Amino acid sequence: MIEQGDKACSEFRDKARVALKNVDNVGPEEQATLIRRATDHSEEHVDRIEALQPPPDDQQIIDRYLARSREGIVILRRAADALEDGDTAEANTLLESGPEADGELRGIAQGYGFKVCGAKKD
């Protein structure tokens, strides 16, 4: 489970890094598009982790990981919506909650034993 999950995390991170490579160098509408692309990759990642079917004793922590991941997806989609609506202040507020949410998600992943999923993003 851990090896497969970390592989999924590694592939997700690679895709998200590429999707967001130029996010700081484009206007709000293009930023929204890039954020949506990265969010689509995040949804694929969540689906892959969910499909792994952990041992029954591990289901609760994996469910927490998946729930926290889905909350992050919702926040990113709301930020993309705000950018498309021209509300950069709201988008920034939503995106600023990311590091705290990422820290919580990493903590859950580390608690389970994921190495890549639990590592700080570069």
PDB file of N, CA and C in Angstrom:
ATOM      1  N   MET A   1       0.825  -1.199   0.000  1.00  0.00           N
ATOM      2  CA  MET A   1       0.000   0.000   0.000  1.00  0.00           C
ATOM      3  C   MET A   1       0.869   1.263   0.000  1.00  0.00           C
ATOM      4  N   ILE A   2       1.874   1.276   0.859  1.00  0.00           N
ATOM      5  CA  ILE A   2       2.709   2.477   0.974  1.00  0.00           C
ATOM      6  C   ILE A   2       3.500   2.712  -0.308  1.00  0.00           C
ATOM      7  N   GLU A   3       4.085   1.661  -0.844  1.00  0.00           N
ATOM      8  CA  GLU A   3       4.863   1.808  -2.073  1.00  0.00           C
ATOM      9  C   GLU A   3       3.987   2.297  -3.223  1.00  0.00           C
ATOM     10  N   GLN A   4       2.806   1.721  -3.361  1.00  0.00           N
ATOM     11  CA  GLN A   4       1.893   2.125  -4.436  1.00  0.00           C
ATOM     12  C   GLN A   4       1.398   3.557  -4.224  1.00  0.00           C
ATOM     13  N   GLY A   5       1.087   3.908  -2.981  1.00  0.00           N
ATOM     14  CA  GLY A   5       0.640   5.261  -2.678  1.00  0.00           C
ATOM     15  C   GLY A   5       1.711   6.299  -2.957  1.00  0.00           C
ATOM     16  N   ASP A   6       2.952   5.972  -2.549  1.00  0.00           N
ATOM     17  CA  ASP A   6       4.047   6.905  -2.809  1.00  0.00           C
ATOM     18  C   ASP A   6       4.313   7.061  -4.298  1.00  0.00           C
ATOM     19  N   LYS A   7       4.145   5.992  -5.050  1.00  0.00           N
ATOM     20  CA  LYS A   7       4.303   6.089  -6.504  1.00  0.00           C
ATOM     21  C   LYS A   7       3.247   7.038  -7.072  1.00  0.00           C
ATOM     22  N   ALA A   8       2.004   6.893  -6.601  1.00  0.00           N
ATOM     23  CA  ALA A   8       0.924   7.783  -7.052  1.00  0.00           C
ATOM     24  C   ALA A   8       1.233   9.227  -6.672  1.00  0.00           C
ATOM     25  N   CYS A   9       1.760   9.443  -5.476  1.00  0.00           N
ATOM     26  CA  CYS A   9       2.113  10.800  -5.037  1.00  0.00           C
ATOM     27  C   CYS A   9       3.218  11.387  -5.897  1.00  0.00           C
ATOM     28  N   SER A  10       4.213  10.598  -6.203  1.00  0.00           N
ATOM     29  CA  SER A  10       5.321  11.073  -7.020  1.00  0.00           C
ATOM     30  C   SER A  10       4.837  11.486  -8.406  1.00  0.00           C
ATOM     31  N   GLU A  11       4.012  10.653  -9.004  1.00  0.00           N
ATOM     32  CA  GLU A  11       3.486  10.977 -10.331  1.00  0.00           C
ATOM     33  C   GLU A  11       2.595  12.219 -10.280  1.00  0.00           C
ATOM     34  N   PHE A  12       1.773  12.328  -9.239  1.00  0.00           N
ATOM     35  CA  PHE A  12       0.928  13.518  -9.085  1.00  0.00           C
ATOM     36  C   PHE A  12       1.782  14.771  -8.958  1.00  0.00           C
ATOM     37  N   ARG A  13       2.786  14.719  -8.114  1.00  0.00           N
ATOM     38  CA  ARG A  13       3.628  15.901  -7.909  1.00  0.00           C
ATOM     39  C   ARG A  13       4.321  16.338  -9.194  1.00  0.00           C
ATOM     40  N   ASP A  14       4.775  15.365  -9.966  1.00  0.00           N
ATOM     41  CA  ASP A  14       5.411  15.708 -11.237  1.00  0.00           C
ATOM     42  C   ASP A  14       4.422  16.427 -12.158  1.00  0.00           C
ATOM     43  N   LYS A  15       3.218  15.911 -12.258  1.00  0.00           N
ATOM     44  CA  LYS A  15       2.203  16.518 -13.126  1.00  0.00           C
ATOM     45  C   LYS A  15       1.801  17.901 -12.618  1.00  0.00           C
ATOM     46  N   ALA A  16       1.616  18.031 -11.321  1.00  0.00           N
ATOM     47  CA  ALA A  16       1.212  19.323 -10.747  1.00  0.00           C
ATOM     48  C   ALA A  16       2.316  20.362 -10.931  1.00  0.00           C
ATOM     49  N   ARG A  17       3.555  19.944 -10.748  1.00  0.00           N
ATOM     50  CA  ARG A  17       4.688  20.869 -10.931  1.00  0.00           C
ATOM     51  C   ARG A  17       4.696  21.415 -12.352  1.00  0.00           C
ATOM     52  N   VAL A  18       4.495  20.557 -13.328  1.00  0.00           N
ATOM     53  CA  VAL A  18       4.461  20.988 -14.727  1.00  0.00           C
ATOM     54  C   VAL A  18       3.269  21.915 -14.959  1.00  0.00           C
ATOM     55  N   ALA A  19       2.108  21.542 -14.433  1.00  0.00           N
ATOM     56  CA  ALA A  19       0.891  22.350 -14.637  1.00  0.00           C
ATOM     57  C   ALA A  19       1.035  23.747 -14.048  1.00  0.00           C
ATOM     58  N   LEU A  20       1.717  23.858 -12.923  1.00  0.00           N
ATOM     59  CA  LEU A  20       1.808  25.145 -12.221  1.00  0.00           C
ATOM     60  C   LEU A  20       3.122  25.886 -12.478  1.00  0.00           C
ATOM     61  N   LYS A  21       3.916  25.375 -13.386  1.00  0.00           N
ATOM     62  CA  LYS A  21       5.251  25.935 -13.627  1.00  0.00           C
ATOM     63  C   LYS A  21       5.237  27.445 -13.836  1.00  0.00           C
ATOM     64  N   ASN A  22       4.316  27.947 -14.615  1.00  0.00           N
ATOM     65  CA  ASN A  22       4.298  29.375 -14.952  1.00  0.00           C
ATOM     66  C   ASN A  22       3.162  30.146 -14.287  1.00  0.00           C
ATOM     67  N   VAL A  23       2.591  29.600 -13.228  1.00  0.00           N
ATOM     68  CA  VAL A  23       1.404  30.217 -12.632  1.00  0.00           C
ATOM     69  C   VAL A  23       1.656  31.656 -12.164  1.00  0.00           C
ATOM     70  N   ASP A  24       2.880  31.964 -11.766  1.00  0.00           N
ATOM     71  CA  ASP A  24       3.170  33.319 -11.287  1.00  0.00           C
ATOM     72  C   ASP A  24       3.472  34.301 -12.412  1.00  0.00           C
ATOM     73  N   ASN A  25       3.535  33.796 -13.641  1.00  0.00           N
ATOM     74  CA  ASN A  25       3.926  34.646 -14.773  1.00  0.00           C
ATOM     75  C   ASN A  25       2.792  34.937 -15.740  1.00  0.00           C
ATOM     76  N   VAL A  26       1.573  34.624 -15.346  1.00  0.00           N
ATOM     77  CA  VAL A  26       0.423  34.817 -16.226  1.00  0.00           C
ATOM     78  C   VAL A  26      -0.670  35.585 -15.493  1.00  0.00           C
ATOM     79  N   GLY A  27      -1.659  36.026 -16.237  1.00  0.00           N
ATOM     80  CA  GLY A  27      -2.774  36.767 -15.658  1.00  0.00           C
ATOM     81  C   GLY A  27      -3.744  35.856 -14.914  1.00  0.00           C
ATOM     82  N   PRO A  28      -4.698  36.465 -14.210  1.00  0.00           N
ATOM     83  CA  PRO A  28      -5.634  35.712 -13.378  1.00  0.00           C
ATOM     84  C   PRO A  28      -6.408  34.612 -14.108  1.00  0.00           C
ATOM     85  N   GLU A  29      -6.885  34.877 -15.307  1.00  0.00           N
ATOM     86  CA  GLU A  29      -7.661  33.844 -16.016  1.00  0.00           C
ATOM     87  C   GLU A  29      -6.789  32.651 -16.364  1.00  0.00           C
ATOM     88  N   GLU A  30      -5.563  32.915 -16.791  1.00  0.00           N
ATOM     89  CA  GLU A  30      -4.646  31.807 -17.101  1.00  0.00           C
ATOM     90  C   GLU A  30      -4.234  31.082 -15.821  1.00  0.00           C
ATOM     91  N   GLN A  31      -4.084  31.840 -14.726  1.00  0.00           N
ATOM     92  CA  GLN A  31      -3.786  31.196 -13.452  1.00  0.00           C
ATOM     93  C   GLN A  31      -4.905  30.225 -13.083  1.00  0.00           C
ATOM     94  N   ALA A  32      -6.135  30.654 -13.278  1.00  0.00           N
ATOM     95  CA  ALA A  32      -7.279  29.786 -12.973  1.00  0.00           C
ATOM     96  C   ALA A  32      -7.210  28.498 -13.792  1.00  0.00           C
ATOM     97  N   THR A  33      -6.865  28.626 -15.054  1.00  0.00           N
ATOM     98  CA  THR A  33      -6.759  27.448 -15.917  1.00  0.00           C
ATOM     99  C   THR A  33      -5.670  26.503 -15.414  1.00  0.00           C
ATOM    100  N   LEU A  34      -4.519  27.053 -15.044  1.00  0.00           N
ATOM    101  CA  LEU A  34      -3.415  26.230 -14.549  1.00  0.00           C
ATOM    102  C   LEU A  34      -3.773  25.565 -13.219  1.00  0.00           C
ATOM    103  N   ILE A  35      -4.435  26.309 -12.355  1.00  0.00           N
ATOM    104  CA  ILE A  35      -4.853  25.741 -11.063  1.00  0.00           C
ATOM    105  C   ILE A  35      -5.859  24.619 -11.290  1.00  0.00           C
ATOM    106  N   ARG A  36      -6.786  24.812 -12.207  1.00  0.00           N
ATOM    107  CA  ARG A  36      -7.756  23.743 -12.510  1.00  0.00           C
ATOM    108  C   ARG A  36      -7.054  22.498 -13.060  1.00  0.00           C
ATOM    109  N   ARG A  37      -6.065  22.703 -13.884  1.00  0.00           N
ATOM    110  CA  ARG A  37      -5.317  21.566 -14.441  1.00  0.00           C
ATOM    111  C   ARG A  37      -4.626  20.794 -13.311  1.00  0.00           C
ATOM    112  N   ALA A  38      -3.982  21.515 -12.409  1.00  0.00           N
ATOM    113  CA  ALA A  38      -3.321  20.857 -11.277  1.00  0.00           C
ATOM    114  C   ALA A  38      -4.349  20.165 -10.372  1.00  0.00           C
ATOM    115  N   THR A  39      -5.499  20.782 -10.223  1.00  0.00           N
ATOM    116  CA  THR A  39      -6.555  20.199  -9.397  1.00  0.00           C
ATOM    117  C   THR A  39      -7.084  18.919 -10.035  1.00  0.00           C
ATOM    118  N   ASP A  40      -7.184  18.891 -11.342  1.00  0.00           N
ATOM    119  CA  ASP A  40      -7.584  17.661 -12.031  1.00  0.00           C
ATOM    120  C   ASP A  40      -6.590  16.542 -11.733  1.00  0.00           C
ATOM    121  N   HIS A  41      -5.305  16.872 -11.726  1.00  0.00           N
ATOM    122  CA  HIS A  41      -4.285  15.873 -11.388  1.00  0.00           C
ATOM    123  C   HIS A  41      -4.450  15.414  -9.939  1.00  0.00           C
ATOM    124  N   SER A  42      -4.805  16.341  -9.065  1.00  0.00           N
ATOM    125  CA  SER A  42      -5.025  15.991  -7.663  1.00  0.00           C
ATOM    126  C   SER A  42      -6.195  15.018  -7.523  1.00  0.00           C
ATOM    127  N   GLU A  43      -7.256  15.257  -8.274  1.00  0.00           N
ATOM    128  CA  GLU A  43      -8.400  14.335  -8.233  1.00  0.00           C
ATOM    129  C   GLU A  43      -8.010  12.946  -8.725  1.00  0.00           C
ATOM    130  N   GLU A  44      -7.195  12.892  -9.773  1.00  0.00           N
ATOM    131  CA  GLU A  44      -6.706  11.598 -10.257  1.00  0.00           C
ATOM    132  C   GLU A  44      -5.913  10.891  -9.164  1.00  0.00           C
ATOM    133  N   HIS A  45      -5.097  11.648  -8.451  1.00  0.00           N
ATOM    134  CA  HIS A  45      -4.288  11.085  -7.366  1.00  0.00           C
ATOM    135  C   HIS A  45      -5.194  10.511  -6.270  1.00  0.00           C
ATOM    136  N   VAL A  46      -6.179  11.274  -5.872  1.00  0.00           N
ATOM    137  CA  VAL A  46      -7.101  10.812  -4.830  1.00  0.00           C
ATOM    138  C   VAL A  46      -7.805   9.533  -5.280  1.00  0.00           C
ATOM    139  N   ASP A  47      -8.229   9.496  -6.520  1.00  0.00           N
ATOM    140  CA  ASP A  47      -8.871   8.293  -7.055  1.00  0.00           C
ATOM    141  C   ASP A  47      -7.928   7.094  -7.004  1.00  0.00           C
ATOM    142  N   ARG A  48      -6.659   7.320  -7.328  1.00  0.00           N
ATOM    143  CA  ARG A  48      -5.689   6.214  -7.297  1.00  0.00           C
ATOM    144  C   ARG A  48      -5.465   5.706  -5.883  1.00  0.00           C
ATOM    145  N   ILE A  49      -5.352   6.614  -4.929  1.00  0.00           N
ATOM    146  CA  ILE A  49      -5.146   6.195  -3.536  1.00  0.00           C
ATOM    147  C   ILE A  49      -6.383   5.435  -3.053  1.00  0.00           C
ATOM    148  N   GLU A  50      -7.549   5.944  -3.383  1.00  0.00           N
ATOM    149  CA  GLU A  50      -8.793   5.303  -2.955  1.00  0.00           C
ATOM    150  C   GLU A  50      -8.913   3.887  -3.536  1.00  0.00           C
ATOM    151  N   ALA A  51      -8.438   3.700  -4.745  1.00  0.00           N
ATOM    152  CA  ALA A  51      -8.537   2.397  -5.406  1.00  0.00           C
ATOM    153  C   ALA A  51      -7.576   1.361  -4.819  1.00  0.00           C
ATOM    154  N   LEU A  52      -6.610   1.773  -4.023  1.00  0.00           N
ATOM    155  CA  LEU A  52      -5.629   0.839  -3.476  1.00  0.00           C
ATOM    156  C   LEU A  52      -6.231  -0.118  -2.446  1.00  0.00           C
ATOM    157  N   GLN A  53      -7.320   0.239  -1.852  1.00  0.00           N
ATOM    158  CA  GLN A  53      -7.992  -0.586  -0.854  1.00  0.00           C
ATOM    159  C   GLN A  53      -7.030  -1.067   0.232  1.00  0.00           C
ATOM    160  N   PRO A  54      -6.788  -0.223   1.212  1.00  0.00           N
ATOM    161  CA  PRO A  54      -5.852  -0.581   2.283  1.00  0.00           C
ATOM    162  C   PRO A  54      -6.411  -1.706   3.151  1.00  0.00           C
ATOM    163  N   PRO A  55      -5.546  -2.292   3.966  1.00  0.00           N
ATOM    164  CA  PRO A  55      -6.037  -3.277   4.932  1.00  0.00           C
ATOM    165  C   PRO A  55      -7.107  -2.633   5.823  1.00  0.00           C
ATOM    166  N   PRO A  56      -8.084  -3.408   6.276  1.00  0.00           N
ATOM    167  CA  PRO A  56      -9.184  -2.846   7.076  1.00  0.00           C
ATOM    168  C   PRO A  56      -8.719  -1.989   8.260  1.00  0.00           C
ATOM    169  N   ASP A  57      -7.639  -2.389   8.925  1.00  0.00           N
ATOM    170  CA  ASP A  57      -7.151  -1.614  10.072  1.00  0.00           C
ATOM    171  C   ASP A  57      -6.598  -0.250   9.667  1.00  0.00           C
ATOM    172  N   ASP A  58      -6.275  -0.074   8.395  1.00  0.00           N
ATOM    173  CA  ASP A  58      -5.699   1.176   7.904  1.00  0.00           C
ATOM    174  C   ASP A  58      -6.740   2.106   7.276  1.00  0.00           C
ATOM    175  N   GLN A  59      -7.948   1.623   7.118  1.00  0.00           N
ATOM    176  CA  GLN A  59      -8.960   2.375   6.372  1.00  0.00           C
ATOM    177  C   GLN A  59      -9.244   3.745   6.975  1.00  0.00           C
ATOM    178  N   GLN A  60      -9.275   3.839   8.297  1.00  0.00           N
ATOM    179  CA  GLN A  60      -9.618   5.112   8.932  1.00  0.00           C
ATOM    180  C   GLN A  60      -8.601   6.211   8.603  1.00  0.00           C
ATOM    181  N   ILE A  61      -7.325   5.912   8.676  1.00  0.00           N
ATOM    182  CA  ILE A  61      -6.321   6.942   8.381  1.00  0.00           C
ATOM    183  C   ILE A  61      -6.309   7.284   6.895  1.00  0.00           C
ATOM    184  N   ILE A  62      -6.522   6.291   6.045  1.00  0.00           N
ATOM    185  CA  ILE A  62      -6.594   6.564   4.603  1.00  0.00           C
ATOM    186  C   ILE A  62      -7.821   7.415   4.300  1.00  0.00           C
ATOM    187  N   ASP A  63      -8.931   7.142   4.970  1.00  0.00           N
ATOM    188  CA  ASP A  63     -10.130   7.968   4.798  1.00  0.00           C
ATOM    189  C   ASP A  63      -9.854   9.415   5.208  1.00  0.00           C
ATOM    190  N   ARG A  64      -9.099   9.620   6.283  1.00  0.00           N
ATOM    191  CA  ARG A  64      -8.736  10.984   6.703  1.00  0.00           C
ATOM    192  C   ARG A  64      -7.869  11.656   5.641  1.00  0.00           C
ATOM    193  N   TYR A  65      -6.922  10.905   5.100  1.00  0.00           N
ATOM    194  CA  TYR A  65      -6.047  11.428   4.053  1.00  0.00           C
ATOM    195  C   TYR A  65      -6.869  11.835   2.830  1.00  0.00           C
ATOM    196  N   LEU A  66      -7.776  10.963   2.424  1.00  0.00           N
ATOM    197  CA  LEU A  66      -8.616  11.252   1.252  1.00  0.00           C
ATOM    198  C   LEU A  66      -9.533  12.442   1.506  1.00  0.00           C
ATOM    199  N   ALA A  67     -10.130  12.506   2.690  1.00  0.00           N
ATOM    200  CA  ALA A  67     -11.032  13.617   3.018  1.00  0.00           C
ATOM    201  C   ALA A  67     -10.280  14.943   2.999  1.00  0.00           C
ATOM    202  N   ARG A  68      -9.087  14.959   3.598  1.00  0.00           N
ATOM    203  CA  ARG A  68      -8.297  16.197   3.631  1.00  0.00           C
ATOM    204  C   ARG A  68      -7.869  16.587   2.211  1.00  0.00           C
ATOM    205  N   SER A  69      -7.536  15.582   1.403  1.00  0.00           N
ATOM    206  CA  SER A  69      -7.171  15.853   0.008  1.00  0.00           C
ATOM    207  C   SER A  69      -8.336  16.466  -0.747  1.00  0.00           C
ATOM    208  N   ARG A  70      -9.520  15.930  -0.535  1.00  0.00           N
ATOM    209  CA  ARG A  70     -10.713  16.456  -1.221  1.00  0.00           C
ATOM    210  C   ARG A  70     -11.039  17.879  -0.765  1.00  0.00           C
ATOM    211  N   GLU A  71     -10.815  18.162   0.515  1.00  0.00           N
ATOM    212  CA  GLU A  71     -11.026  19.529   1.003  1.00  0.00           C
ATOM    213  C   GLU A  71     -10.086  20.489   0.281  1.00  0.00           C
ATOM    214  N   GLY A  72      -8.852  20.076   0.077  1.00  0.00           N
ATOM    215  CA  GLY A  72      -7.890  20.896  -0.646  1.00  0.00           C
ATOM    216  C   GLY A  72      -8.313  21.142  -2.087  1.00  0.00           C
ATOM    217  N   ILE A  73      -8.883  20.117  -2.704  1.00  0.00           N
ATOM    218  CA  ILE A  73      -9.372  20.253  -4.077  1.00  0.00           C
ATOM    219  C   ILE A  73     -10.484  21.293  -4.146  1.00  0.00           C
ATOM    220  N   VAL A  74     -11.383  21.253  -3.194  1.00  0.00           N
ATOM    221  CA  VAL A  74     -12.482  22.228  -3.153  1.00  0.00           C
ATOM    222  C   VAL A  74     -11.924  23.645  -3.014  1.00  0.00           C
ATOM    223  N   ILE A  75     -10.948  23.815  -2.157  1.00  0.00           N
ATOM    224  CA  ILE A  75     -10.346  25.142  -1.958  1.00  0.00           C
ATOM    225  C   ILE A  75      -9.692  25.633  -3.244  1.00  0.00           C
ATOM    226  N   LEU A  76      -8.971  24.753  -3.922  1.00  0.00           N
ATOM    227  CA  LEU A  76      -8.321  25.154  -5.168  1.00  0.00           C
ATOM    228  C   LEU A  76      -9.340  25.513  -6.245  1.00  0.00           C
ATOM    229  N   ARG A  77     -10.413  24.749  -6.334  1.00  0.00           N
ATOM    230  CA  ARG A  77     -11.452  25.064  -7.321  1.00  0.00           C
ATOM    231  C   ARG A  77     -12.109  26.410  -6.997  1.00  0.00           C
ATOM    232  N   ARG A  78     -12.334  26.676  -5.716  1.00  0.00           N
ATOM    233  CA  ARG A  78     -12.909  27.973  -5.324  1.00  0.00           C
ATOM    234  C   ARG A  78     -11.947  29.107  -5.658  1.00  0.00           C
ATOM    235  N   ALA A  79     -10.648  28.883  -5.470  1.00  0.00           N
ATOM    236  CA  ALA A  79      -9.653  29.906  -5.808  1.00  0.00           C
ATOM    237  C   ALA A  79      -9.651  30.161  -7.312  1.00  0.00           C
ATOM    238  N   ALA A  80      -9.749  29.109  -8.101  1.00  0.00           N
ATOM    239  CA  ALA A  80      -9.800  29.271  -9.561  1.00  0.00           C
ATOM    240  C   ALA A  80     -11.057  30.043  -9.963  1.00  0.00           C
ATOM    241  N   ASP A  81     -12.185  29.731  -9.322  1.00  0.00           N
ATOM    242  CA  ASP A  81     -13.420  30.470  -9.594  1.00  0.00           C
ATOM    243  C   ASP A  81     -13.244  31.950  -9.280  1.00  0.00           C
ATOM    244  N   ALA A  82     -12.633  32.236  -8.133  1.00  0.00           N
ATOM    245  CA  ALA A  82     -12.426  33.625  -7.736  1.00  0.00           C
ATOM    246  C   ALA A  82     -11.530  34.350  -8.736  1.00  0.00           C
ATOM    247  N   LEU A  83     -10.490  33.695  -9.203  1.00  0.00           N
ATOM    248  CA  LEU A  83      -9.613  34.311 -10.208  1.00  0.00           C
ATOM    249  C   LEU A  83     -10.380  34.615 -11.484  1.00  0.00           C
ATOM    250  N   GLU A  84     -11.202  33.674 -11.909  1.00  0.00           N
ATOM    251  CA  GLU A  84     -11.997  33.903 -13.127  1.00  0.00           C
ATOM    252  C   GLU A  84     -12.988  35.044 -12.945  1.00  0.00           C
ATOM    253  N   ASP A  85     -13.461  35.230 -11.713  1.00  0.00           N
ATOM    254  CA  ASP A  85     -14.398  36.319 -11.418  1.00  0.00           C
ATOM    255  C   ASP A  85     -13.687  37.647 -11.166  1.00  0.00           C
ATOM    256  N   GLY A  86     -12.365  37.629 -11.217  1.00  0.00           N
ATOM    257  CA  GLY A  86     -11.601  38.856 -10.991  1.00  0.00           C
ATOM    258  C   GLY A  86     -11.391  39.189  -9.530  1.00  0.00           C
ATOM    259  N   ASP A  87     -11.711  38.277  -8.639  1.00  0.00           N
ATOM    260  CA  ASP A  87     -11.573  38.503  -7.198  1.00  0.00           C
ATOM    261  C   ASP A  87     -10.245  37.912  -6.712  1.00  0.00           C
ATOM    262  N   THR A  88      -9.164  38.610  -7.032  1.00  0.00           N
ATOM    263  CA  THR A  88      -7.847  38.093  -6.665  1.00  0.00           C
ATOM    264  C   THR A  88      -7.641  38.076  -5.149  1.00  0.00           C
ATOM    265  N   ALA A  89      -8.285  38.992  -4.433  1.00  0.00           N
ATOM    266  CA  ALA A  89      -8.151  38.997  -2.971  1.00  0.00           C
ATOM    267  C   ALA A  89      -8.710  37.701  -2.384  1.00  0.00           C
ATOM    268  N   GLU A  90      -9.877  37.278  -2.835  1.00  0.00           N
ATOM    269  CA  GLU A  90     -10.476  36.030  -2.354  1.00  0.00           C
ATOM    270  C   GLU A  90      -9.620  34.834  -2.767  1.00  0.00           C
ATOM    271  N   ALA A  91      -9.129  34.844  -4.001  1.00  0.00           N
ATOM    272  CA  ALA A  91      -8.274  33.753  -4.473  1.00  0.00           C
ATOM    273  C   ALA A  91      -7.025  33.652  -3.606  1.00  0.00           C
ATOM    274  N   ASN A  92      -6.407  34.784  -3.312  1.00  0.00           N
ATOM    275  CA  ASN A  92      -5.200  34.782  -2.478  1.00  0.00           C
ATOM    276  C   ASN A  92      -5.491  34.271  -1.078  1.00  0.00           C
ATOM    277  N   THR A  93      -6.621  34.684  -0.510  1.00  0.00           N
ATOM    278  CA  THR A  93      -6.999  34.204   0.817  1.00  0.00           C
ATOM    279  C   THR A  93      -7.142  32.686   0.813  1.00  0.00           C
ATOM    280  N   LEU A  94      -7.809  32.165  -0.189  1.00  0.00           N
ATOM    281  CA  LEU A  94      -7.979  30.713  -0.296  1.00  0.00           C
ATOM    282  C   LEU A  94      -6.631  30.019  -0.485  1.00  0.00           C
ATOM    283  N   LEU A  95      -5.799  30.542  -1.370  1.00  0.00           N
ATOM    284  CA  LEU A  95      -4.509  29.916  -1.645  1.00  0.00           C
ATOM    285  C   LEU A  95      -3.554  30.004  -0.461  1.00  0.00           C
ATOM    286  N   GLU A  96      -3.696  31.049   0.349  1.00  0.00           N
ATOM    287  CA  GLU A  96      -2.845  31.185   1.531  1.00  0.00           C
ATOM    288  C   GLU A  96      -3.157  30.128   2.580  1.00  0.00           C
ATOM    289  N   SER A  97      -4.339  29.530   2.510  1.00  0.00           N
ATOM    290  CA  SER A  97      -4.661  28.454   3.446  1.00  0.00           C
ATOM    291  C   SER A  97      -3.974  27.148   3.044  1.00  0.00           C
ATOM    292  N   GLY A  98      -3.392  27.127   1.853  1.00  0.00           N
ATOM    293  CA  GLY A  98      -2.747  25.926   1.328  1.00  0.00           C
ATOM    294  C   GLY A  98      -1.612  25.368   2.171  1.00  0.00           C
ATOM    295  N   PRO A  99      -0.651  26.192   2.595  1.00  0.00           N
ATOM    296  CA  PRO A  99       0.461  25.629   3.371  1.00  0.00           C
ATOM    297  C   PRO A  99       0.015  24.930   4.657  1.00  0.00           C
ATOM    298  N   GLU A 100      -0.948  25.491   5.356  1.00  0.00           N
ATOM    299  CA  GLU A 100      -1.446  24.846   6.573  1.00  0.00           C
ATOM    300  C   GLU A 100      -2.135  23.524   6.232  1.00  0.00           C
ATOM    301  N   ALA A 101      -2.960  23.555   5.196  1.00  0.00           N
ATOM    302  CA  ALA A 101      -3.649  22.337   4.769  1.00  0.00           C
ATOM    303  C   ALA A 101      -2.650  21.291   4.296  1.00  0.00           C
ATOM    304  N   ASP A 102      -1.618  21.717   3.556  1.00  0.00           N
ATOM    305  CA  ASP A 102      -0.587  20.790   3.105  1.00  0.00           C
ATOM    306  C   ASP A 102       0.134  20.161   4.299  1.00  0.00           C
ATOM    307  N   GLY A 103       0.380  20.962   5.319  1.00  0.00           N
ATOM    308  CA  GLY A 103       1.037  20.442   6.517  1.00  0.00           C
ATOM    309  C   GLY A 103       0.201  19.376   7.205  1.00  0.00           C
ATOM    310  N   GLU A 104      -1.094  19.612   7.284  1.00  0.00           N
ATOM    311  CA  GLU A 104      -1.992  18.622   7.883  1.00  0.00           C
ATOM    312  C   GLU A 104      -2.002  17.342   7.058  1.00  0.00           C
ATOM    313  N   LEU A 105      -2.074  17.491   5.758  1.00  0.00           N
ATOM    314  CA  LEU A 105      -2.102  16.332   4.867  1.00  0.00           C
ATOM    315  C   LEU A 105      -0.789  15.547   4.972  1.00  0.00           C
ATOM    316  N   ARG A 106       0.337  16.257   5.001  1.00  0.00           N
ATOM    317  CA  ARG A 106       1.629  15.589   5.159  1.00  0.00           C
ATOM    318  C   ARG A 106       1.694  14.840   6.479  1.00  0.00           C
ATOM    319  N   GLY A 107       1.161  15.443   7.529  1.00  0.00           N
ATOM    320  CA  GLY A 107       1.166  14.788   8.839  1.00  0.00           C
ATOM    321  C   GLY A 107       0.383  13.486   8.821  1.00  0.00           C
ATOM    322  N   ILE A 108      -0.762  13.491   8.181  1.00  0.00           N
ATOM    323  CA  ILE A 108      -1.560  12.264   8.058  1.00  0.00           C
ATOM    324  C   ILE A 108      -0.774  11.223   7.267  1.00  0.00           C
ATOM    325  N   ALA A 109      -0.182  11.653   6.158  1.00  0.00           N
ATOM    326  CA  ALA A 109       0.584  10.735   5.309  1.00  0.00           C
ATOM    327  C   ALA A 109       1.784  10.160   6.064  1.00  0.00           C
ATOM    328  N   GLN A 110       2.493  11.015   6.790  1.00  0.00           N
ATOM    329  CA  GLN A 110       3.639  10.552   7.565  1.00  0.00           C
ATOM    330  C   GLN A 110       3.205   9.574   8.648  1.00  0.00           C
ATOM    331  N   GLY A 111       2.074   9.872   9.280  1.00  0.00           N
ATOM    332  CA  GLY A 111       1.552   8.989  10.317  1.00  0.00           C
ATOM    333  C   GLY A 111       1.238   7.599   9.791  1.00  0.00           C
ATOM    334  N   TYR A 112       0.868   7.526   8.536  1.00  0.00           N
ATOM    335  CA  TYR A 112       0.572   6.234   7.928  1.00  0.00           C
ATOM    336  C   TYR A 112       1.846   5.521   7.475  1.00  0.00           C
ATOM    337  N   GLY A 113       2.860   6.296   7.132  1.00  0.00           N
ATOM    338  CA  GLY A 113       4.114   5.709   6.666  1.00  0.00           C
ATOM    339  C   GLY A 113       4.476   6.054   5.241  1.00  0.00           C
ATOM    340  N   PHE A 114       3.659   6.885   4.597  1.00  0.00           N
ATOM    341  CA  PHE A 114       4.001   7.332   3.252  1.00  0.00           C
ATOM    342  C   PHE A 114       5.272   8.175   3.326  1.00  0.00           C
ATOM    343  N   LYS A 115       6.180   7.920   2.411  1.00  0.00           N
ATOM    344  CA  LYS A 115       7.425   8.711   2.354  1.00  0.00           C
ATOM    345  C   LYS A 115       7.242   9.909   1.417  1.00  0.00           C
ATOM    346  N   VAL A 116       6.862   9.660   0.175  1.00  0.00           N
ATOM    347  CA  VAL A 116       6.714  10.742  -0.799  1.00  0.00           C
ATOM    348  C   VAL A 116       5.497  11.594  -0.430  1.00  0.00           C
ATOM    349  N   CYS A 117       4.393  10.970  -0.142  1.00  0.00           N
ATOM    350  CA  CYS A 117       3.178  11.716   0.208  1.00  0.00           C
ATOM    351  C   CYS A 117       3.383  12.543   1.473  1.00  0.00           C
ATOM    352  N   GLY A 118       4.246  12.073   2.356  1.00  0.00           N
ATOM    353  CA  GLY A 118       4.494  12.766   3.609  1.00  0.00           C
ATOM    354  C   GLY A 118       5.619  13.774   3.552  1.00  0.00           C
ATOM    355  N   ALA A 119       6.326  13.841   2.424  1.00  0.00           N
ATOM    356  CA  ALA A 119       7.450  14.765   2.292  1.00  0.00           C
ATOM    357  C   ALA A 119       6.971  16.145   1.883  1.00  0.00           C
ATOM    358  N   LYS A 120       7.720  17.137   2.277  1.00  0.00           N
ATOM    359  CA  LYS A 120       7.414  18.508   1.885  1.00  0.00           C
ATOM    360  C   LYS A 120       7.602  18.648   0.381  1.00  0.00           C
ATOM    361  N   LYS A 121       6.688  19.363  -0.253  1.00  0.00           N
ATOM    362  CA  LYS A 121       6.791  19.580  -1.711  1.00  0.00           C
ATOM    363  C   LYS A 121       7.960  20.498  -1.995  1.00  0.00           C
ATOM    364  N   ASP A 122       8.613  20.193  -3.125  1.00  0.00           N
ATOM    365  CA  ASP A 122       9.737  21.051  -3.511  1.00  0.00           C
ATOM    366  C   ASP A 122       9.310  22.138  -4.439  1.00  0.00           C
TER     367      ASP A 122
END
